[in-house]
Amino acid sequence: MPDTWFEKFHAPAAAATLRLIHYPPQPARAKFNQIGAGAHTDWGGITILAQDDVGGLEVRTVQGDWITATPIAGSFVINLGDLMARWTNGIYMSNMHRVNNNVSGKDRYSIPYFHSPYPTSVIEAIPSCVDKDHPPRFATCTAQEHMAEMFRRSYGYAPQVA
């Protein structure tokens, strides 16, 4: 695909959210699997994450094991979101991750930047990711429809959009 292929999904502007997250330390006698953020994938296109040196981010491997994403000074963690899975027809998948803050005993801070296409962007498999042996795995939708569905699955209702 041409280098400019994704540009049409981010015009006139992308949907972007920057969060500043504080995870207080968990109690010393935390219950099993009491964590700072439960296992989830990011819903949008791509996430760029700055994390402090406390750690706690864990990523699930394809085999289902949880591994620690040890902070590396001066670096960012890049997560592919669910829309990237839809665009690539499942060739690239959004990665399941969580924040396990049970053992640090310290406050943890992170800054995720969530970058998604414009809400009315139509999301369907990139043409080079579909052929007769690999038909589309996901229904065509808009970015807004996808986000509303993920919100509904997570919280039981979808926000009303004006």
N, C-alpha and C. Protein backbone atom coordinates (compact mmCIF):
# COMPACT_ATOMS: atom_id res chain seq x y z
N MET A 1 0.85 -1.17 0.00
CA MET A 1 0.00 0.00 0.00
C MET A 1 0.90 1.24 0.00
N PRO A 2 0.42 2.32 -0.56
CA PRO A 2 1.24 3.55 -0.54
C PRO A 2 1.41 4.08 0.88
N ASP A 3 2.49 4.80 1.10
CA ASP A 3 2.77 5.36 2.43
C ASP A 3 1.63 6.23 2.95
N THR A 4 0.86 6.80 2.07
CA THR A 4 -0.20 7.73 2.45
C THR A 4 -1.55 7.05 2.68
N TRP A 5 -1.62 5.72 2.62
CA TRP A 5 -2.89 5.00 2.65
C TRP A 5 -3.73 5.34 3.89
N PHE A 6 -3.15 5.48 5.06
CA PHE A 6 -3.90 5.74 6.29
C PHE A 6 -4.33 7.20 6.43
N GLU A 7 -3.79 8.10 5.63
CA GLU A 7 -4.10 9.52 5.78
C GLU A 7 -5.59 9.81 5.67
N LYS A 8 -6.30 9.13 4.78
CA LYS A 8 -7.72 9.41 4.57
C LYS A 8 -8.56 9.10 5.81
N PHE A 9 -8.06 8.28 6.70
CA PHE A 9 -8.80 7.93 7.92
C PHE A 9 -8.59 8.96 9.03
N HIS A 10 -7.65 9.82 8.84
CA HIS A 10 -7.30 10.78 9.89
C HIS A 10 -7.54 12.22 9.45
N ALA A 11 -8.34 12.40 8.39
CA ALA A 11 -8.67 13.74 7.91
C ALA A 11 -10.19 13.93 8.03
N PRO A 12 -10.66 15.03 8.47
CA PRO A 12 -9.91 16.25 8.71
C PRO A 12 -9.09 16.23 10.00
N ALA A 13 -9.40 15.33 10.91
CA ALA A 13 -8.62 15.23 12.15
C ALA A 13 -8.79 13.83 12.72
N ALA A 14 -7.81 13.41 13.45
CA ALA A 14 -7.88 12.11 14.12
C ALA A 14 -8.60 12.28 15.45
N ALA A 15 -9.04 11.17 16.00
CA ALA A 15 -9.58 11.16 17.35
C ALA A 15 -8.42 10.77 18.27
N ALA A 16 -8.06 11.65 19.16
CA ALA A 16 -6.92 11.41 20.02
C ALA A 16 -7.29 11.71 21.47
N THR A 17 -6.75 10.89 22.37
CA THR A 17 -6.95 11.08 23.79
C THR A 17 -5.62 10.89 24.49
N LEU A 18 -5.29 11.82 25.36
CA LEU A 18 -4.09 11.71 26.19
C LEU A 18 -4.56 11.61 27.63
N ARG A 19 -4.11 10.57 28.33
CA ARG A 19 -4.50 10.38 29.73
C ARG A 19 -3.27 10.42 30.62
N LEU A 20 -3.44 10.95 31.80
CA LEU A 20 -2.41 10.93 32.83
C LEU A 20 -2.96 10.03 33.93
N ILE A 21 -2.34 8.86 34.11
CA ILE A 21 -2.91 7.84 35.01
C ILE A 21 -2.01 7.64 36.22
N HIS A 22 -2.64 7.62 37.38
CA HIS A 22 -1.97 7.35 38.65
C HIS A 22 -2.54 6.05 39.21
N TYR A 23 -1.66 5.10 39.48
CA TYR A 23 -2.04 3.84 40.11
C TYR A 23 -1.47 3.85 41.51
N PRO A 24 -2.30 4.01 42.54
CA PRO A 24 -1.75 3.96 43.90
C PRO A 24 -1.29 2.55 44.22
N PRO A 25 -0.41 2.40 45.22
CA PRO A 25 0.04 1.05 45.58
C PRO A 25 -1.14 0.23 46.09
N GLN A 26 -1.10 -1.04 45.80
CA GLN A 26 -2.14 -1.94 46.30
C GLN A 26 -1.82 -2.31 47.75
N PRO A 27 -2.83 -2.68 48.52
CA PRO A 27 -2.56 -3.08 49.91
C PRO A 27 -1.62 -4.29 49.97
N ALA A 28 -0.87 -4.37 51.04
CA ALA A 28 0.06 -5.49 51.20
C ALA A 28 -0.67 -6.83 51.17
N ARG A 29 -1.88 -6.86 51.63
CA ARG A 29 -2.66 -8.10 51.65
C ARG A 29 -3.70 -8.11 50.53
N ALA A 30 -3.30 -7.69 49.37
CA ALA A 30 -4.22 -7.64 48.23
C ALA A 30 -4.73 -9.03 47.90
N LYS A 31 -5.96 -9.10 47.46
CA LYS A 31 -6.53 -10.38 47.04
C LYS A 31 -5.85 -10.85 45.77
N PHE A 32 -5.93 -12.15 45.52
CA PHE A 32 -5.35 -12.71 44.30
C PHE A 32 -5.89 -11.95 43.09
N ASN A 33 -5.02 -11.58 42.21
CA ASN A 33 -5.35 -10.91 40.97
C ASN A 33 -5.99 -9.53 41.16
N GLN A 34 -5.80 -8.93 42.34
CA GLN A 34 -6.23 -7.54 42.53
C GLN A 34 -5.18 -6.67 41.85
N ILE A 35 -5.60 -5.99 40.81
CA ILE A 35 -4.62 -5.30 39.96
C ILE A 35 -5.03 -3.87 39.70
N GLY A 36 -4.11 -3.10 39.16
CA GLY A 36 -4.34 -1.69 38.88
C GLY A 36 -5.24 -1.45 37.68
N ALA A 37 -5.18 -2.28 36.67
CA ALA A 37 -6.07 -2.21 35.50
C ALA A 37 -6.23 -3.62 34.95
N GLY A 38 -7.47 -4.05 34.81
CA GLY A 38 -7.74 -5.40 34.33
C GLY A 38 -7.30 -5.63 32.90
N ALA A 39 -7.24 -6.88 32.53
CA ALA A 39 -6.81 -7.27 31.18
C ALA A 39 -7.75 -6.69 30.13
N HIS A 40 -7.15 -6.08 29.11
CA HIS A 40 -7.93 -5.46 28.05
C HIS A 40 -7.06 -5.23 26.82
N THR A 41 -7.71 -4.97 25.71
CA THR A 41 -7.04 -4.48 24.52
C THR A 41 -7.45 -3.02 24.35
N ASP A 42 -6.66 -2.26 23.63
CA ASP A 42 -7.03 -0.89 23.32
C ASP A 42 -7.95 -0.91 22.11
N TRP A 43 -8.95 -0.08 22.11
CA TRP A 43 -10.01 -0.14 21.11
C TRP A 43 -9.67 0.53 19.79
N GLY A 44 -8.79 1.51 19.79
CA GLY A 44 -8.56 2.35 18.61
C GLY A 44 -7.51 1.79 17.67
N GLY A 45 -6.73 2.72 17.09
CA GLY A 45 -5.72 2.34 16.11
C GLY A 45 -4.38 2.00 16.71
N ILE A 46 -3.82 2.93 17.46
CA ILE A 46 -2.49 2.72 18.04
C ILE A 46 -2.41 3.49 19.36
N THR A 47 -1.66 2.96 20.30
CA THR A 47 -1.43 3.62 21.58
C THR A 47 0.07 3.77 21.78
N ILE A 48 0.47 4.96 22.18
CA ILE A 48 1.86 5.23 22.54
C ILE A 48 1.87 5.47 24.04
N LEU A 49 2.63 4.67 24.77
CA LEU A 49 2.62 4.71 26.23
C LEU A 49 3.97 5.09 26.80
N ALA A 50 3.97 6.12 27.62
CA ALA A 50 5.15 6.45 28.43
C ALA A 50 4.86 5.94 29.84
N GLN A 51 5.77 5.18 30.38
CA GLN A 51 5.59 4.68 31.74
C GLN A 51 6.79 5.04 32.60
N ASP A 52 6.55 5.14 33.89
CA ASP A 52 7.65 5.46 34.80
C ASP A 52 8.49 4.21 35.04
N ASP A 53 9.42 4.29 35.99
CA ASP A 53 10.32 3.16 36.24
C ASP A 53 9.79 2.16 37.26
N VAL A 54 8.56 2.36 37.74
CA VAL A 54 8.00 1.44 38.74
C VAL A 54 7.64 0.10 38.12
N GLY A 55 7.15 0.13 36.91
CA GLY A 55 6.75 -1.13 36.26
C GLY A 55 5.35 -1.54 36.67
N GLY A 56 4.97 -2.70 36.21
CA GLY A 56 3.64 -3.22 36.49
C GLY A 56 2.89 -3.60 35.23
N LEU A 57 3.31 -3.05 34.08
CA LEU A 57 2.65 -3.40 32.83
C LEU A 57 2.99 -4.85 32.48
N GLU A 58 1.97 -5.60 32.16
CA GLU A 58 2.13 -6.99 31.73
C GLU A 58 1.40 -7.19 30.42
N VAL A 59 1.97 -8.02 29.55
CA VAL A 59 1.42 -8.30 28.24
C VAL A 59 1.21 -9.80 28.12
N ARG A 60 0.07 -10.19 27.54
CA ARG A 60 -0.21 -11.62 27.36
C ARG A 60 0.35 -12.09 26.03
N THR A 61 1.10 -13.16 26.08
CA THR A 61 1.68 -13.74 24.86
C THR A 61 0.60 -14.51 24.10
N VAL A 62 0.92 -14.89 22.88
CA VAL A 62 0.01 -15.69 22.06
C VAL A 62 -0.32 -17.01 22.77
N GLN A 63 0.64 -17.54 23.54
CA GLN A 63 0.42 -18.79 24.27
C GLN A 63 -0.45 -18.60 25.52
N GLY A 64 -0.76 -17.35 25.89
CA GLY A 64 -1.61 -17.08 27.04
C GLY A 64 -0.86 -16.78 28.33
N ASP A 65 0.47 -16.72 28.27
CA ASP A 65 1.27 -16.40 29.46
C ASP A 65 1.38 -14.89 29.61
N TRP A 66 1.46 -14.43 30.85
CA TRP A 66 1.65 -13.01 31.13
C TRP A 66 3.13 -12.75 31.34
N ILE A 67 3.67 -11.76 30.62
CA ILE A 67 5.07 -11.39 30.78
C ILE A 67 5.16 -9.92 31.18
N THR A 68 6.19 -9.59 31.92
CA THR A 68 6.40 -8.22 32.38
C THR A 68 7.00 -7.38 31.27
N ALA A 69 6.42 -6.20 31.06
CA ALA A 69 6.98 -5.23 30.11
C ALA A 69 7.85 -4.28 30.93
N THR A 70 9.06 -4.72 31.24
CA THR A 70 9.97 -3.95 32.08
C THR A 70 10.24 -2.58 31.47
N PRO A 71 10.04 -1.51 32.23
CA PRO A 71 10.30 -0.17 31.68
C PRO A 71 11.75 -0.01 31.23
N ILE A 72 11.93 0.65 30.11
CA ILE A 72 13.25 0.98 29.58
C ILE A 72 13.31 2.50 29.50
N ALA A 73 14.23 3.08 30.22
CA ALA A 73 14.35 4.54 30.28
C ALA A 73 14.42 5.14 28.87
N GLY A 74 13.67 6.22 28.68
CA GLY A 74 13.71 6.94 27.41
C GLY A 74 12.97 6.26 26.27
N SER A 75 12.15 5.25 26.56
CA SER A 75 11.45 4.53 25.50
C SER A 75 9.94 4.63 25.68
N PHE A 76 9.23 4.22 24.67
CA PHE A 76 7.77 4.16 24.69
C PHE A 76 7.34 2.74 24.39
N VAL A 77 6.19 2.35 24.91
CA VAL A 77 5.55 1.09 24.55
C VAL A 77 4.53 1.43 23.48
N ILE A 78 4.51 0.67 22.40
CA ILE A 78 3.56 0.88 21.32
C ILE A 78 2.61 -0.31 21.30
N ASN A 79 1.31 -0.02 21.46
CA ASN A 79 0.28 -1.05 21.41
C ASN A 79 -0.55 -0.86 20.15
N LEU A 80 -0.77 -1.93 19.42
CA LEU A 80 -1.73 -1.89 18.33
C LEU A 80 -3.12 -2.05 18.93
N GLY A 81 -4.08 -1.32 18.40
CA GLY A 81 -5.45 -1.41 18.89
C GLY A 81 -6.31 -2.31 18.03
N ASP A 82 -7.56 -2.48 18.46
CA ASP A 82 -8.50 -3.36 17.78
C ASP A 82 -8.74 -2.95 16.33
N LEU A 83 -8.70 -1.64 16.04
CA LEU A 83 -8.93 -1.22 14.66
C LEU A 83 -7.80 -1.68 13.74
N MET A 84 -6.59 -1.81 14.27
CA MET A 84 -5.49 -2.33 13.44
C MET A 84 -5.75 -3.79 13.08
N ALA A 85 -6.34 -4.54 14.01
CA ALA A 85 -6.71 -5.93 13.70
C ALA A 85 -7.75 -5.96 12.58
N ARG A 86 -8.73 -5.07 12.64
CA ARG A 86 -9.76 -5.02 11.60
C ARG A 86 -9.14 -4.63 10.26
N TRP A 87 -8.27 -3.62 10.26
CA TRP A 87 -7.65 -3.17 9.03
C TRP A 87 -6.80 -4.27 8.39
N THR A 88 -6.07 -5.03 9.21
CA THR A 88 -5.16 -6.05 8.67
C THR A 88 -5.80 -7.43 8.56
N ASN A 89 -7.11 -7.50 8.75
CA ASN A 89 -7.84 -8.76 8.63
C ASN A 89 -7.30 -9.82 9.60
N GLY A 90 -6.84 -9.35 10.76
CA GLY A 90 -6.35 -10.26 11.79
C GLY A 90 -4.88 -10.64 11.66
N ILE A 91 -4.18 -10.11 10.67
CA ILE A 91 -2.75 -10.41 10.55
C ILE A 91 -2.01 -9.83 11.74
N TYR A 92 -2.33 -8.58 12.08
CA TYR A 92 -1.82 -7.97 13.31
C TYR A 92 -2.99 -7.88 14.28
N MET A 93 -2.76 -8.27 15.51
CA MET A 93 -3.82 -8.26 16.52
C MET A 93 -3.50 -7.24 17.61
N SER A 94 -4.54 -6.73 18.22
CA SER A 94 -4.33 -5.86 19.38
C SER A 94 -3.88 -6.76 20.54
N ASN A 95 -2.94 -6.26 21.31
CA ASN A 95 -2.38 -7.11 22.36
C ASN A 95 -3.10 -6.90 23.69
N MET A 96 -3.42 -8.03 24.32
CA MET A 96 -4.03 -8.02 25.64
C MET A 96 -2.97 -7.60 26.65
N HIS A 97 -3.32 -6.66 27.52
CA HIS A 97 -2.37 -6.20 28.54
C HIS A 97 -3.12 -5.79 29.80
N ARG A 98 -2.39 -5.63 30.87
CA ARG A 98 -2.97 -5.25 32.17
C ARG A 98 -1.89 -4.55 32.98
N VAL A 99 -2.31 -3.95 34.08
CA VAL A 99 -1.35 -3.34 35.01
C VAL A 99 -1.49 -4.08 36.33
N ASN A 100 -0.41 -4.75 36.71
CA ASN A 100 -0.37 -5.48 37.97
C ASN A 100 0.51 -4.67 38.92
N ASN A 101 -0.12 -4.02 39.86
CA ASN A 101 0.60 -3.12 40.76
C ASN A 101 0.67 -3.69 42.17
N ASN A 102 0.45 -4.99 42.32
CA ASN A 102 0.40 -5.59 43.66
C ASN A 102 1.72 -5.53 44.40
N VAL A 103 2.81 -5.73 43.74
CA VAL A 103 4.07 -5.96 44.44
C VAL A 103 4.98 -4.75 44.53
N SER A 104 4.67 -3.67 43.82
CA SER A 104 5.62 -2.55 43.79
C SER A 104 5.69 -1.79 45.10
N GLY A 105 4.55 -1.62 45.78
CA GLY A 105 4.53 -0.83 47.00
C GLY A 105 4.72 0.66 46.74
N LYS A 106 4.70 1.06 45.47
CA LYS A 106 4.93 2.46 45.10
C LYS A 106 3.79 2.96 44.23
N ASP A 107 3.68 4.27 44.15
CA ASP A 107 2.77 4.86 43.19
C ASP A 107 3.32 4.63 41.79
N ARG A 108 2.44 4.39 40.83
CA ARG A 108 2.84 4.19 39.44
C ARG A 108 2.13 5.23 38.59
N TYR A 109 2.85 5.78 37.62
CA TYR A 109 2.29 6.76 36.71
C TYR A 109 2.55 6.33 35.28
N SER A 110 1.56 6.57 34.44
CA SER A 110 1.75 6.31 33.02
C SER A 110 0.99 7.37 32.22
N ILE A 111 1.43 7.55 30.98
CA ILE A 111 0.81 8.52 30.09
C ILE A 111 0.54 7.82 28.76
N PRO A 112 -0.69 7.33 28.56
CA PRO A 112 -1.02 6.75 27.27
C PRO A 112 -1.62 7.79 26.33
N TYR A 113 -1.20 7.73 25.07
CA TYR A 113 -1.77 8.56 24.01
C TYR A 113 -2.48 7.60 23.05
N PHE A 114 -3.80 7.71 22.98
CA PHE A 114 -4.61 6.84 22.14
C PHE A 114 -4.91 7.57 20.83
N HIS A 115 -4.49 6.99 19.71
CA HIS A 115 -4.67 7.62 18.40
C HIS A 115 -5.61 6.74 17.57
N SER A 116 -6.70 7.34 17.13
CA SER A 116 -7.70 6.60 16.37
C SER A 116 -8.11 7.41 15.15
N PRO A 117 -8.72 6.75 14.18
CA PRO A 117 -9.16 7.47 13.00
C PRO A 117 -10.35 8.38 13.31
N TYR A 118 -10.63 9.27 12.39
CA TYR A 118 -11.79 10.14 12.49
C TYR A 118 -13.03 9.26 12.67
N PRO A 119 -14.00 9.64 13.52
CA PRO A 119 -15.13 8.76 13.84
C PRO A 119 -15.92 8.23 12.64
N THR A 120 -16.07 9.01 11.58
CA THR A 120 -16.84 8.54 10.43
C THR A 120 -16.02 7.73 9.44
N SER A 121 -14.75 7.50 9.73
CA SER A 121 -13.90 6.68 8.85
C SER A 121 -14.47 5.27 8.74
N VAL A 122 -14.58 4.79 7.53
CA VAL A 122 -15.07 3.43 7.30
C VAL A 122 -13.88 2.48 7.46
N ILE A 123 -14.07 1.50 8.35
CA ILE A 123 -13.00 0.55 8.66
C ILE A 123 -13.32 -0.80 8.03
N GLU A 124 -12.46 -1.23 7.14
CA GLU A 124 -12.56 -2.55 6.53
C GLU A 124 -11.15 -3.02 6.21
N ALA A 125 -11.03 -4.29 5.89
CA ALA A 125 -9.70 -4.86 5.67
C ALA A 125 -8.97 -4.14 4.54
N ILE A 126 -7.69 -3.88 4.77
CA ILE A 126 -6.81 -3.32 3.75
C ILE A 126 -6.81 -4.30 2.57
N PRO A 127 -6.96 -3.81 1.35
CA PRO A 127 -7.04 -4.73 0.19
C PRO A 127 -5.92 -5.77 0.11
N SER A 128 -4.71 -5.42 0.50
CA SER A 128 -3.61 -6.38 0.41
C SER A 128 -3.67 -7.46 1.49
N CYS A 129 -4.62 -7.33 2.42
CA CYS A 129 -4.77 -8.33 3.49
C CYS A 129 -5.93 -9.29 3.24
N VAL A 130 -6.53 -9.20 2.07
CA VAL A 130 -7.67 -10.04 1.72
C VAL A 130 -7.40 -10.69 0.36
N ASP A 131 -7.69 -11.98 0.27
CA ASP A 131 -7.64 -12.68 -1.01
C ASP A 131 -8.60 -13.86 -0.94
N LYS A 132 -8.61 -14.71 -1.95
CA LYS A 132 -9.58 -15.81 -1.98
C LYS A 132 -9.38 -16.79 -0.83
N ASP A 133 -8.15 -16.91 -0.33
CA ASP A 133 -7.90 -17.81 0.80
C ASP A 133 -8.06 -17.12 2.15
N HIS A 134 -8.18 -15.80 2.14
CA HIS A 134 -8.30 -15.02 3.37
C HIS A 134 -9.40 -13.97 3.21
N PRO A 135 -10.66 -14.44 3.26
CA PRO A 135 -11.76 -13.48 3.12
C PRO A 135 -11.82 -12.56 4.35
N PRO A 136 -12.54 -11.45 4.24
CA PRO A 136 -12.64 -10.53 5.38
C PRO A 136 -13.17 -11.24 6.63
N ARG A 137 -12.48 -11.03 7.76
CA ARG A 137 -12.87 -11.66 9.04
C ARG A 137 -13.78 -10.76 9.88
N PHE A 138 -13.82 -9.47 9.56
CA PHE A 138 -14.57 -8.51 10.37
C PHE A 138 -15.55 -7.76 9.48
N ALA A 139 -16.70 -7.46 10.02
CA ALA A 139 -17.69 -6.67 9.29
C ALA A 139 -17.19 -5.24 9.12
N THR A 140 -17.54 -4.63 8.01
CA THR A 140 -17.22 -3.23 7.79
C THR A 140 -18.02 -2.38 8.77
N CYS A 141 -17.38 -1.35 9.32
CA CYS A 141 -18.04 -0.45 10.27
C CYS A 141 -17.32 0.88 10.23
N THR A 142 -17.89 1.87 10.89
CA THR A 142 -17.16 3.13 11.07
C THR A 142 -16.36 3.02 12.36
N ALA A 143 -15.38 3.88 12.50
CA ALA A 143 -14.61 3.90 13.75
C ALA A 143 -15.54 4.18 14.93
N GLN A 144 -16.48 5.09 14.74
CA GLN A 144 -17.43 5.42 15.80
C GLN A 144 -18.30 4.22 16.17
N GLU A 145 -18.77 3.46 15.20
CA GLU A 145 -19.57 2.27 15.49
C GLU A 145 -18.76 1.26 16.28
N HIS A 146 -17.50 1.08 15.90
CA HIS A 146 -16.64 0.14 16.62
C HIS A 146 -16.46 0.59 18.08
N MET A 147 -16.16 1.86 18.28
CA MET A 147 -15.95 2.37 19.64
C MET A 147 -17.23 2.23 20.47
N ALA A 148 -18.38 2.52 19.89
CA ALA A 148 -19.65 2.39 20.61
C ALA A 148 -19.90 0.93 20.99
N GLU A 149 -19.60 0.00 20.09
CA GLU A 149 -19.77 -1.42 20.40
C GLU A 149 -18.83 -1.87 21.52
N MET A 150 -17.59 -1.43 21.49
CA MET A 150 -16.66 -1.80 22.55
C MET A 150 -17.09 -1.21 23.89
N PHE A 151 -17.58 0.01 23.87
CA PHE A 151 -18.10 0.65 25.09
C PHE A 151 -19.28 -0.16 25.62
N ARG A 152 -20.19 -0.57 24.71
CA ARG A 152 -21.35 -1.36 25.12
C ARG A 152 -20.92 -2.69 25.73
N ARG A 153 -19.96 -3.37 25.11
CA ARG A 153 -19.48 -4.65 25.64
C ARG A 153 -18.84 -4.49 27.01
N SER A 154 -18.15 -3.39 27.21
CA SER A 154 -17.44 -3.17 28.47
C SER A 154 -18.34 -2.64 29.59
N TYR A 155 -19.27 -1.75 29.22
CA TYR A 155 -20.04 -1.04 30.25
C TYR A 155 -21.54 -1.29 30.19
N GLY A 156 -22.00 -2.03 29.19
CA GLY A 156 -23.42 -2.37 29.13
C GLY A 156 -24.28 -1.38 28.37
N TYR A 157 -23.72 -0.29 27.92
CA TYR A 157 -24.47 0.67 27.11
C TYR A 157 -23.48 1.45 26.27
N ALA A 158 -23.99 2.07 25.21
CA ALA A 158 -23.13 2.88 24.35
C ALA A 158 -23.46 4.35 24.56
N PRO A 159 -22.46 5.20 24.56
CA PRO A 159 -22.73 6.63 24.72
C PRO A 159 -23.49 7.17 23.51
N GLN A 160 -24.34 8.15 23.75
CA GLN A 160 -25.07 8.80 22.67
C GLN A 160 -24.17 9.83 22.01
N VAL A 161 -24.13 9.82 20.71
CA VAL A 161 -23.31 10.76 19.95
C VAL A 161 -24.23 11.75 19.26
N ALA A 162 -23.91 13.01 19.38
CA ALA A 162 -24.75 14.06 18.75
C ALA A 162 -24.55 14.09 17.27
